[in-house]
Amino acid sequence: MTAFAQARRLTRAHRSAGTLVDRYTILFGVTVALGLIAAPLLPVVRGLSSGQAHPERTILAASVTLLAVTGLTQLARVVGPLVLPPSDAHWLLLSPLPRRAVLTRIAVLLASSATVVGSAVGLAALAAVGTPNALTTAAVAVAGASTVLILTVATVSWQASRAAWPRIALGAAFALGEGSAIAWALGLRTSPPSPSTSIVVLATLALLSLATSLSWYAWRRLRGFPAAAVVDASQRLGSAADATIGLEPFHLSLVAEDRYWVARRLRSRGWPRLRPPWAVALADARMLARRPGRLAVLAAAVAWPALLAVMISGRHIAVILLLGAGALTSAAAGLAALRRDVADPALRRMLGIDTTAVDAARLVLPGLLGGGWLTAALICGSVMGVLPPGPWWIFGPLSAPAIAVAARRLARRGPIDHTSTLVVMPMTGSQLPTGWLLWTVKGLDVAVGGTLPTLLALATGQPTVVLVGAQLALSAVVLVVALRSR
């Protein structure tokens, strides 16, 4: 028995196996998760079994697939991807045990997950395009698995070397996918001819060979994989687990901000020669300017609602929700410093600045971001023919004050009050924690209520003068009430 096997046997001997109730809970949770996932997968399975080809959707399906793959790769890059439990990272990984033996389990799990996810993404894209035959279906599944596995190996290499090329590659793939989808939606590019089965099989063999070679190379490199990268990823995993178990999303956001800024060397600048409220607002703008990647993603996301409407052939509640989420997220991107001030309330008192003036100045940046994003998204919808004829863009500037106030309420939520009174539901007798409810609703109430005329116009498809005037008046009321309240 090797030294690593003896160490693993020792740790398992002192680890509780769990009771029957624990195992039942895990099994029940997995069953519910599979049931939730099965619902959106059923249409994909029906599309695969029907064999109906849709060559006109080739560009859009390939673009959406590329966007999904780049998003999954970015998620893997942020998470780790090689990550161990904190106890293993601080004990087994830093011990004299062979490093590859310690990382073997997580490496195999990561490769298996990449294979399954890649196969699912490939089959989903094939369901939108059409299924010529069984051989093409199998080849596309293998090609998708190989592609995601190659990207996973690339993220592992980035984790070890901290190189910049994976970010550049992800950005290029993201831009290519969205650009192709927009070009298809605008009718600027015709559908390419469907490749023959032999070409698909040859491309699949090439991708499979490349994935196998890179995986073998990564496996050999695990022997000298830097421990600092794995320990850092394990610390992020521990913080995320603590925030999840303790039901503290606010703490998780602070941890994410700290992790981003701690690895960067910033130049100090003098206090700007502005009035104090505008100087504080300028600090928010500078913090956002130092994260150009976030601005690039937000700028690229203005076309997503229109592309979603093209995919589902018309306006839908999902398109309206995506519009609202994008505008609110864009506005909240300019309030990262405000979230930090909530965790440190003594800083505002030390500055000695009028609170109302600071709040008014700090609403300018989120208003420009949220209103500008919504305006651009509505223009994209009009250009792509998703929205009926009309001045839809005007709802963006008119909704900007309400969106800014809603984003400010989101940033000021702070930790959840777990000591709040439980509300007993009269029909079921279950208890509802009001702390979680209030934390969830805060911010969204202003976002929905303050932009209600815009939502009605999108739902009915009629940008009438009455709704435009109502949005103007409602935004003014929301802004005045927000500045007068503390």
Protein backbone atom coordinates (compact mmCIF):
# COMPACT_ATOMS: atom_id res chain seq x y z
CA MET A 1 0.00 0.00 0.00
CA THR A 2 1.39 3.38 -1.01
CA ALA A 3 1.89 6.27 1.39
CA PHE A 4 -0.99 8.21 -0.16
CA ALA A 5 -3.35 5.23 0.17
CA GLN A 6 -2.41 4.90 3.84
CA ALA A 7 -3.04 8.62 4.42
CA ARG A 8 -6.39 8.46 2.64
CA ARG A 9 -7.36 5.38 4.65
CA LEU A 10 -6.44 7.19 7.87
CA THR A 11 -8.59 10.23 7.00
CA ARG A 12 -11.56 8.07 6.04
CA ALA A 13 -11.31 6.09 9.27
CA HIS A 14 -11.92 9.26 11.30
CA ARG A 15 -14.64 10.59 9.02
CA SER A 16 -18.28 10.00 9.81
CA ALA A 17 -20.14 7.99 7.17
CA GLY A 18 -23.42 9.74 7.93
CA THR A 19 -26.72 8.42 9.13
CA LEU A 20 -29.52 6.96 7.03
CA VAL A 21 -31.31 10.29 7.22
CA ASP A 22 -28.28 12.04 5.71
CA ARG A 23 -28.10 9.54 2.86
CA TYR A 24 -31.84 9.83 2.27
CA THR A 25 -31.54 13.63 2.13
CA ILE A 26 -28.76 13.43 -0.44
CA LEU A 27 -30.69 10.92 -2.53
CA PHE A 28 -33.85 13.01 -2.37
CA GLY A 29 -31.96 16.16 -3.38
CA VAL A 30 -30.33 14.41 -6.34
CA THR A 31 -33.72 13.06 -7.45
CA VAL A 32 -35.32 16.51 -7.31
CA ALA A 33 -32.38 18.03 -9.22
CA LEU A 34 -32.66 15.39 -11.94
CA GLY A 35 -36.40 16.02 -12.17
CA LEU A 36 -35.82 19.76 -12.63
CA ILE A 37 -33.15 19.18 -15.25
CA ALA A 38 -35.25 16.63 -17.14
CA ALA A 39 -37.96 19.18 -18.02
CA PRO A 40 -35.82 21.39 -20.32
CA LEU A 41 -34.00 18.34 -21.71
CA LEU A 42 -37.15 16.63 -22.98
CA PRO A 43 -37.57 18.98 -25.99
CA VAL A 44 -33.94 18.34 -26.89
CA VAL A 45 -34.50 14.58 -26.79
CA ARG A 46 -37.62 14.92 -28.93
CA GLY A 47 -35.68 17.01 -31.42
CA LEU A 48 -33.00 14.35 -31.62
CA SER A 49 -35.48 11.56 -32.11
CA SER A 50 -37.61 13.36 -34.69
CA GLY A 51 -34.79 13.77 -37.17
CA GLN A 52 -36.23 17.05 -38.50
CA ALA A 53 -33.46 19.19 -39.95
CA HIS A 54 -33.47 22.97 -39.65
CA PRO A 55 -30.54 24.18 -41.74
CA GLU A 56 -31.65 27.79 -41.40
CA ARG A 57 -30.81 27.60 -37.68
CA THR A 58 -27.25 26.41 -38.19
CA ILE A 59 -25.56 29.75 -37.57
CA LEU A 60 -27.69 30.59 -34.55
CA ALA A 61 -27.29 27.13 -33.00
CA ALA A 62 -23.52 27.17 -33.48
CA SER A 63 -23.26 30.68 -32.02
CA VAL A 64 -25.36 29.88 -28.96
CA THR A 65 -23.32 26.73 -28.44
CA LEU A 66 -20.09 28.71 -28.61
CA LEU A 67 -21.46 31.23 -26.11
CA ALA A 68 -22.45 28.40 -23.76
CA VAL A 69 -19.03 26.75 -24.01
CA THR A 70 -17.20 30.01 -23.32
CA GLY A 71 -19.46 30.68 -20.33
CA LEU A 72 -18.78 27.23 -18.90
CA THR A 73 -15.06 27.70 -19.45
CA GLN A 74 -15.14 31.04 -17.65
CA LEU A 75 -17.00 29.41 -14.76
CA ALA A 76 -14.38 26.67 -14.56
CA ARG A 77 -11.62 29.27 -14.62
CA VAL A 78 -13.17 31.22 -11.76
CA VAL A 79 -13.84 28.16 -9.62
CA GLY A 80 -10.44 26.60 -10.01
CA PRO A 81 -10.80 24.32 -11.81
CA LEU A 82 -8.53 22.00 -9.79
CA VAL A 83 -9.86 22.43 -6.28
CA LEU A 84 -9.64 20.28 -3.15
CA PRO A 85 -11.51 20.40 0.14
CA PRO A 86 -9.77 22.87 2.46
CA SER A 87 -8.62 20.08 4.81
CA ASP A 88 -6.95 18.13 1.97
CA ALA A 89 -5.44 21.28 0.48
CA HIS A 90 -3.81 22.30 3.77
CA TRP A 91 -2.72 18.84 4.85
CA LEU A 92 -2.38 16.27 2.07
CA LEU A 93 -1.34 18.68 -0.68
CA LEU A 94 1.39 20.35 1.38
CA SER A 95 2.70 17.06 2.75
CA PRO A 96 5.58 15.05 1.19
CA LEU A 97 3.01 12.79 -0.53
CA PRO A 98 3.16 12.59 -4.36
CA ARG A 99 1.23 15.58 -5.66
CA ARG A 100 -0.20 13.76 -8.64
CA ALA A 101 -1.65 11.09 -6.39
CA VAL A 102 -3.37 13.78 -4.31
CA LEU A 103 -4.81 15.50 -7.40
CA THR A 104 -5.79 12.35 -9.30
CA ARG A 105 -9.31 12.11 -7.94
CA ILE A 106 -10.29 15.71 -8.66
CA ALA A 107 -8.61 15.54 -12.09
CA VAL A 108 -10.60 12.45 -13.08
CA LEU A 109 -13.82 14.03 -11.77
CA LEU A 110 -13.10 17.21 -13.71
CA ALA A 111 -12.41 15.30 -16.94
CA SER A 112 -15.59 13.24 -16.50
CA SER A 113 -17.70 16.35 -15.88
CA ALA A 114 -16.20 18.07 -18.93
CA THR A 115 -16.98 15.02 -21.07
CA VAL A 116 -20.60 14.84 -19.95
CA VAL A 117 -21.21 18.58 -20.26
CA GLY A 118 -19.54 18.71 -23.67
CA SER A 119 -21.63 15.84 -24.98
CA ALA A 120 -24.81 17.53 -23.73
CA VAL A 121 -23.87 20.85 -25.36
CA GLY A 122 -23.11 19.13 -28.66
CA LEU A 123 -26.37 17.22 -28.67
CA ALA A 124 -28.32 20.35 -27.78
CA ALA A 125 -26.79 22.19 -30.75
CA LEU A 126 -27.52 19.24 -33.02
CA ALA A 127 -31.15 19.20 -31.88
CA ALA A 128 -31.59 22.76 -33.12
CA VAL A 129 -29.92 22.08 -36.47
CA GLY A 130 -31.34 18.63 -37.13
CA THR A 131 -30.18 15.02 -36.91
CA PRO A 132 -29.09 13.57 -40.27
CA ASN A 133 -28.20 10.10 -38.98
CA ALA A 134 -27.00 8.16 -35.95
CA LEU A 135 -23.32 8.35 -36.94
CA THR A 136 -23.43 12.16 -37.09
CA THR A 137 -25.16 12.27 -33.73
CA ALA A 138 -22.47 10.16 -32.08
CA ALA A 139 -19.71 12.15 -33.80
CA VAL A 140 -21.12 15.49 -32.65
CA ALA A 141 -21.44 14.20 -29.07
CA VAL A 142 -17.78 13.09 -29.10
CA ALA A 143 -16.73 16.37 -30.72
CA GLY A 144 -18.53 18.40 -28.06
CA ALA A 145 -16.96 16.35 -25.27
CA SER A 146 -13.50 16.74 -26.83
CA THR A 147 -13.91 20.49 -27.26
CA VAL A 148 -14.97 21.09 -23.67
CA LEU A 149 -12.18 18.80 -22.47
CA ILE A 150 -9.64 20.83 -24.45
CA LEU A 151 -10.95 24.05 -22.91
CA THR A 152 -10.83 22.47 -19.46
CA VAL A 153 -7.18 21.52 -19.93
CA ALA A 154 -6.55 25.12 -21.03
CA THR A 155 -8.11 26.46 -17.83
CA VAL A 156 -5.97 24.05 -15.79
CA SER A 157 -2.89 25.41 -17.57
CA TRP A 158 -4.04 28.95 -16.82
CA GLN A 159 -4.48 28.04 -13.16
CA ALA A 160 -0.90 26.79 -13.02
CA SER A 161 0.78 29.62 -14.94
CA ARG A 162 -1.59 32.61 -14.59
CA ALA A 163 -1.06 33.34 -18.27
CA ALA A 164 -3.20 35.89 -20.10
CA TRP A 165 -3.86 33.92 -23.30
CA PRO A 166 -6.92 32.00 -21.98
CA ARG A 167 -8.70 35.29 -21.31
CA ILE A 168 -7.86 36.51 -24.80
CA ALA A 169 -9.07 33.24 -26.33
CA LEU A 170 -12.30 33.32 -24.33
CA GLY A 171 -12.94 36.91 -25.37
CA ALA A 172 -12.32 36.11 -29.02
CA ALA A 173 -14.61 33.06 -28.93
CA PHE A 174 -17.29 35.07 -27.14
CA ALA A 175 -17.12 37.86 -29.71
CA LEU A 176 -17.18 35.37 -32.61
CA GLY A 177 -20.22 33.56 -31.23
CA GLU A 178 -22.24 36.68 -30.55
CA GLY A 179 -21.22 38.34 -33.79
CA SER A 180 -22.30 35.32 -35.82
CA ALA A 181 -25.64 35.15 -34.00
CA ILE A 182 -26.32 38.84 -34.60
CA ALA A 183 -25.35 38.52 -38.27
CA TRP A 184 -27.71 35.59 -38.67
CA ALA A 185 -30.53 37.45 -36.92
CA LEU A 186 -30.07 40.47 -39.18
CA GLY A 187 -30.10 38.26 -42.28
CA LEU A 188 -26.62 39.35 -43.32
CA ARG A 189 -25.37 35.79 -43.76
CA THR A 190 -27.05 32.83 -45.37
CA SER A 191 -27.02 29.36 -43.89
CA PRO A 192 -23.89 27.39 -44.77
CA PRO A 193 -24.25 24.03 -46.49
CA SER A 194 -24.58 21.08 -44.15
CA PRO A 195 -21.25 19.19 -43.88
CA SER A 196 -21.16 15.59 -44.99
CA THR A 197 -20.89 12.74 -42.51
CA SER A 198 -17.30 12.00 -43.50
CA ILE A 199 -16.19 15.59 -42.77
CA VAL A 200 -17.93 15.50 -39.38
CA VAL A 201 -16.25 12.20 -38.50
CA LEU A 202 -12.79 13.44 -39.57
CA ALA A 203 -13.19 16.64 -37.55
CA THR A 204 -14.32 14.61 -34.57
CA LEU A 205 -11.27 12.34 -34.81
CA ALA A 206 -8.99 15.36 -34.97
CA LEU A 207 -10.59 16.92 -31.90
CA LEU A 208 -10.48 13.60 -30.05
CA SER A 209 -6.78 13.17 -30.82
CA LEU A 210 -6.00 16.70 -29.66
CA ALA A 211 -8.04 16.27 -26.47
CA THR A 212 -6.31 12.97 -25.70
CA SER A 213 -2.84 14.43 -26.25
CA LEU A 214 -3.50 17.51 -24.14
CA SER A 215 -5.08 15.43 -21.38
CA TRP A 216 -2.04 13.15 -21.28
CA TYR A 217 0.24 16.19 -21.15
CA ALA A 218 -1.80 17.72 -18.32
CA TRP A 219 -1.72 14.40 -16.48
CA ARG A 220 2.09 14.37 -16.67
CA ARG A 221 2.22 17.98 -15.45
CA LEU A 222 0.22 17.18 -12.31
CA ARG A 223 3.42 15.87 -10.72
CA GLY A 224 4.76 19.42 -10.37
CA PHE A 225 1.50 21.36 -10.22
CA PRO A 226 1.92 24.47 -8.02
CA ALA A 227 0.33 24.01 -4.61
CA ALA A 228 -0.39 27.73 -4.17
CA ALA A 229 -2.93 27.71 -7.02
CA VAL A 230 -4.84 24.76 -5.52
CA VAL A 231 -4.76 26.24 -2.00
CA ASP A 232 -6.12 29.54 -3.33
CA ALA A 233 -8.97 27.75 -5.13
CA SER A 234 -9.71 25.72 -1.99
CA GLN A 235 -9.94 28.85 0.10
CA ARG A 236 -12.47 30.28 -2.36
CA LEU A 237 -14.40 27.02 -2.15
CA GLY A 238 -14.39 27.20 1.65
CA SER A 239 -15.62 30.79 1.64
CA ALA A 240 -18.38 29.93 -0.81
CA ALA A 241 -19.41 26.91 1.28
CA ASP A 242 -19.49 28.99 4.48
CA ALA A 243 -21.59 31.67 2.80
CA THR A 244 -23.95 29.03 1.38
CA ILE A 245 -24.37 27.15 4.64
CA GLY A 246 -24.69 30.36 6.64
CA LEU A 247 -27.10 31.81 4.05
CA GLU A 248 -24.97 34.94 3.57
CA PRO A 249 -24.79 35.99 -0.09
CA PHE A 250 -23.57 39.44 0.98
CA HIS A 251 -20.47 37.88 2.55
CA LEU A 252 -19.85 35.92 -0.64
CA SER A 253 -19.89 39.09 -2.72
CA LEU A 254 -17.36 40.72 -0.39
CA VAL A 255 -15.09 37.68 -0.64
CA ALA A 256 -15.27 37.84 -4.45
CA GLU A 257 -14.39 41.54 -4.44
CA ASP A 258 -11.48 40.99 -2.05
CA ARG A 259 -10.11 38.18 -4.18
CA TYR A 260 -10.19 40.38 -7.27
CA TRP A 261 -8.48 43.39 -5.76
CA VAL A 262 -5.91 41.64 -3.58
CA ALA A 263 -4.01 40.33 -6.62
CA ARG A 264 -3.72 43.75 -8.28
CA ARG A 265 -1.29 46.56 -7.78
CA LEU A 266 -3.05 49.90 -8.05
CA ARG A 267 -1.56 53.34 -8.42
CA SER A 268 -2.50 55.86 -5.77
CA ARG A 269 -4.03 59.11 -6.89
CA GLY A 270 -4.69 62.36 -5.15
CA TRP A 271 -8.11 63.51 -4.03
CA PRO A 272 -9.86 65.05 -7.07
CA ARG A 273 -10.53 68.76 -7.10
CA LEU A 274 -14.27 68.39 -7.08
CA ARG A 275 -17.06 68.99 -4.63
CA PRO A 276 -17.02 66.25 -1.96
CA PRO A 277 -20.18 64.43 -3.17
CA TRP A 278 -18.88 64.28 -6.74
CA ALA A 279 -15.46 63.14 -5.53
CA VAL A 280 -17.09 60.15 -3.85
CA ALA A 281 -19.05 59.41 -7.02
CA LEU A 282 -15.84 59.65 -9.05
CA ALA A 283 -14.34 56.94 -6.87
CA ASP A 284 -17.18 54.62 -7.95
CA ALA A 285 -16.44 55.41 -11.61
CA ARG A 286 -12.72 54.76 -11.15
CA MET A 287 -13.38 51.41 -9.51
CA LEU A 288 -15.58 50.39 -12.42
CA ALA A 289 -13.02 51.62 -14.98
CA ARG A 290 -10.40 49.35 -13.42
CA ARG A 291 -12.55 46.32 -14.36
CA PRO A 292 -12.74 46.61 -18.16
CA GLY A 293 -13.74 42.96 -18.54
CA ARG A 294 -17.00 43.58 -16.72
CA LEU A 295 -17.77 46.56 -18.93
CA ALA A 296 -17.03 44.51 -22.06
CA VAL A 297 -19.40 41.72 -21.01
CA LEU A 298 -22.14 44.20 -20.17
CA ALA A 299 -21.70 45.94 -23.51
CA ALA A 300 -21.86 42.64 -25.39
CA ALA A 301 -24.94 41.51 -23.48
CA VAL A 302 -27.18 44.21 -24.96
CA ALA A 303 -27.99 41.88 -27.87
CA TRP A 304 -28.95 38.87 -25.72
CA PRO A 305 -32.64 39.77 -25.19
CA ALA A 306 -33.13 40.29 -28.93
CA LEU A 307 -31.35 37.04 -29.76
CA LEU A 308 -33.49 35.20 -27.22
CA ALA A 309 -36.60 36.69 -28.79
CA VAL A 310 -35.41 35.51 -32.21
CA MET A 311 -34.85 31.99 -30.89
CA ILE A 312 -38.33 31.73 -29.36
CA SER A 313 -39.98 33.61 -32.25
CA GLY A 314 -41.47 36.59 -30.46
CA ARG A 315 -41.78 38.45 -27.16
CA HIS A 316 -41.96 36.29 -24.09
CA ILE A 317 -41.79 36.72 -20.34
CA ALA A 318 -38.23 35.35 -20.47
CA VAL A 319 -37.20 38.20 -22.79
CA ILE A 320 -38.71 40.80 -20.45
CA LEU A 321 -36.98 39.21 -17.46
CA LEU A 322 -33.67 39.21 -19.31
CA LEU A 323 -34.11 42.89 -20.16
CA GLY A 324 -34.79 43.76 -16.53
CA ALA A 325 -31.94 41.62 -15.21
CA GLY A 326 -29.48 43.12 -17.68
CA ALA A 327 -30.44 46.71 -16.89
CA LEU A 328 -30.33 46.10 -13.13
CA THR A 329 -27.00 44.27 -13.34
CA SER A 330 -25.48 47.06 -15.41
CA ALA A 331 -26.62 49.66 -12.91
CA ALA A 332 -25.35 47.62 -9.96
CA ALA A 333 -21.91 47.31 -11.58
CA GLY A 334 -21.25 50.95 -10.73
CA LEU A 335 -22.05 50.53 -7.02
CA ALA A 336 -19.33 48.14 -5.87
CA ALA A 337 -17.92 50.81 -3.55
CA LEU A 338 -21.35 51.36 -2.01
CA ARG A 339 -21.56 47.68 -1.07
CA ARG A 340 -18.21 48.09 0.67
CA ASP A 341 -19.47 51.14 2.53
CA VAL A 342 -22.39 49.11 3.90
CA ALA A 343 -19.87 46.76 5.54
CA ASP A 344 -17.94 49.75 6.92
CA PRO A 345 -20.47 52.44 7.97
CA ALA A 346 -17.88 54.37 9.99
CA LEU A 347 -16.19 55.55 6.78
CA ARG A 348 -19.14 57.72 5.75
CA ARG A 349 -19.30 59.34 9.18
CA MET A 350 -15.58 60.10 9.06
CA LEU A 351 -15.93 61.91 5.73
CA GLY A 352 -18.53 64.27 7.18
CA ILE A 353 -20.34 64.83 3.88
CA ASP A 354 -24.01 65.55 3.42
CA THR A 355 -25.72 62.19 2.93
CA THR A 356 -28.38 63.47 0.54
CA ALA A 357 -25.83 65.10 -1.74
CA VAL A 358 -23.68 61.97 -1.83
CA ASP A 359 -26.68 59.77 -2.60
CA ALA A 360 -27.74 62.06 -5.44
CA ALA A 361 -24.24 62.09 -6.92
CA ARG A 362 -23.90 58.34 -6.61
CA LEU A 363 -27.11 57.75 -8.56
CA VAL A 364 -25.68 59.31 -11.73
CA LEU A 365 -23.35 56.45 -12.69
CA PRO A 366 -25.85 53.58 -12.16
CA GLY A 367 -28.49 55.64 -13.96
CA LEU A 368 -26.22 56.07 -16.98
CA LEU A 369 -25.24 52.41 -16.97
CA GLY A 370 -28.72 50.95 -16.46
CA GLY A 371 -30.54 53.41 -18.71
CA GLY A 372 -27.87 53.18 -21.40
CA TRP A 373 -27.92 49.38 -21.37
CA LEU A 374 -31.72 49.26 -21.61
CA THR A 375 -31.71 51.82 -24.43
CA ALA A 376 -29.14 49.82 -26.41
CA ALA A 377 -31.04 46.58 -25.82
CA LEU A 378 -34.30 48.12 -27.03
CA ILE A 379 -32.56 49.50 -30.12
CA CYS A 380 -31.19 46.03 -30.87
CA GLY A 381 -34.70 44.63 -30.54
CA SER A 382 -36.05 47.21 -32.98
CA VAL A 383 -33.24 46.65 -35.49
CA MET A 384 -33.66 42.86 -35.42
CA GLY A 385 -37.40 43.18 -35.92
CA VAL A 386 -38.36 41.68 -32.57
CA LEU A 387 -40.26 44.76 -31.36
CA PRO A 388 -43.10 46.39 -33.26
CA PRO A 389 -42.44 49.76 -34.92
CA GLY A 390 -42.23 52.60 -32.44
CA PRO A 391 -39.86 54.76 -30.37
CA TRP A 392 -38.91 51.99 -27.94
CA TRP A 393 -35.54 53.54 -27.13
CA ILE A 394 -37.19 56.37 -25.21
CA PHE A 395 -38.10 54.01 -22.36
CA GLY A 396 -34.39 53.54 -21.58
CA PRO A 397 -33.61 57.13 -20.47
CA LEU A 398 -37.01 57.48 -18.80
CA SER A 399 -36.47 54.29 -16.74
CA ALA A 400 -32.90 55.19 -15.74
CA PRO A 401 -33.77 56.93 -12.41
CA ALA A 402 -35.92 54.04 -11.20
CA ILE A 403 -33.27 51.51 -12.22
CA ALA A 404 -30.58 53.49 -10.40
CA VAL A 405 -32.63 53.67 -7.21
CA ALA A 406 -33.38 49.96 -7.39
CA ALA A 407 -29.67 49.17 -7.87
CA ARG A 408 -28.85 51.31 -4.85
CA ARG A 409 -31.33 49.36 -2.74
CA LEU A 410 -29.74 46.14 -3.92
CA ALA A 411 -26.28 47.39 -2.94
CA ARG A 412 -27.49 48.45 0.50
CA ARG A 413 -29.15 45.17 1.43
CA GLY A 414 -26.25 43.99 3.57
CA PRO A 415 -26.39 40.71 5.50
CA ILE A 416 -29.63 38.81 5.98
CA ASP A 417 -31.39 39.30 9.31
CA HIS A 418 -31.69 35.72 10.55
CA THR A 419 -33.26 36.88 13.83
CA SER A 420 -36.42 38.12 12.15
CA THR A 421 -39.82 36.77 13.12
CA LEU A 422 -41.10 33.70 11.33
CA VAL A 423 -44.46 34.05 9.58
CA VAL A 424 -46.74 31.02 9.83
CA MET A 425 -48.62 30.32 6.60
CA PRO A 426 -52.32 29.83 7.43
CA MET A 427 -53.05 27.20 4.76
CA THR A 428 -50.04 24.91 5.13
CA GLY A 429 -48.79 25.72 8.62
CA SER A 430 -45.22 26.14 7.32
CA GLN A 431 -42.99 28.90 8.63
CA LEU A 432 -41.60 31.55 6.27
CA PRO A 433 -38.41 33.41 7.35
CA THR A 434 -39.11 37.09 6.83
CA GLY A 435 -35.40 37.96 6.82
CA TRP A 436 -34.79 36.03 3.63
CA LEU A 437 -38.01 37.35 2.10
CA LEU A 438 -37.22 41.00 2.81
CA TRP A 439 -33.63 40.57 1.60
CA THR A 440 -34.84 39.07 -1.68
CA VAL A 441 -37.55 41.61 -2.34
CA LYS A 442 -35.50 44.69 -1.43
CA GLY A 443 -34.47 46.38 -4.64
CA LEU A 444 -36.65 44.25 -6.88
CA ASP A 445 -39.76 46.03 -5.58
CA VAL A 446 -38.49 49.38 -6.86
CA ALA A 447 -37.25 47.82 -10.09
CA VAL A 448 -40.68 46.36 -10.91
CA GLY A 449 -42.83 49.15 -9.51
CA GLY A 450 -40.67 51.96 -10.87
CA THR A 451 -40.59 50.58 -14.42
CA LEU A 452 -44.15 49.29 -14.57
CA PRO A 453 -45.15 51.40 -17.62
CA THR A 454 -42.13 50.09 -19.54
CA LEU A 455 -43.03 46.52 -18.62
CA LEU A 456 -46.62 47.09 -19.73
CA ALA A 457 -45.44 48.51 -23.05
CA LEU A 458 -43.19 45.49 -23.64
CA ALA A 459 -45.98 43.09 -22.68
CA THR A 460 -48.59 44.71 -24.92
CA GLY A 461 -46.24 45.73 -27.74
CA GLN A 462 -47.64 49.27 -27.82
CA PRO A 463 -45.36 52.18 -26.78
CA THR A 464 -48.22 54.65 -26.34
CA VAL A 465 -47.86 58.27 -25.28
CA VAL A 466 -49.74 57.52 -22.06
CA LEU A 467 -47.20 54.87 -21.04
CA VAL A 468 -44.29 57.17 -21.92
CA GLY A 469 -45.73 59.95 -19.76
CA ALA A 470 -46.50 57.53 -16.95
CA GLN A 471 -42.92 56.26 -16.97
CA LEU A 472 -41.58 59.82 -16.81
CA ALA A 473 -43.80 60.72 -13.88
CA LEU A 474 -43.17 57.48 -12.03
CA SER A 475 -39.38 57.78 -12.38
CA ALA A 476 -39.52 61.33 -11.02
CA VAL A 477 -41.58 60.21 -8.03
CA VAL A 478 -39.23 57.29 -7.28
CA LEU A 479 -36.19 59.57 -7.48
CA VAL A 480 -37.67 62.24 -5.18
CA VAL A 481 -38.80 59.69 -2.60
CA ALA A 482 -35.41 57.95 -2.66
CA LEU A 483 -33.50 61.19 -2.06
CA ARG A 484 -35.80 62.28 0.76
CA SER A 485 -35.72 58.96 2.59
CA ARG A 486 -32.72 57.67 4.53
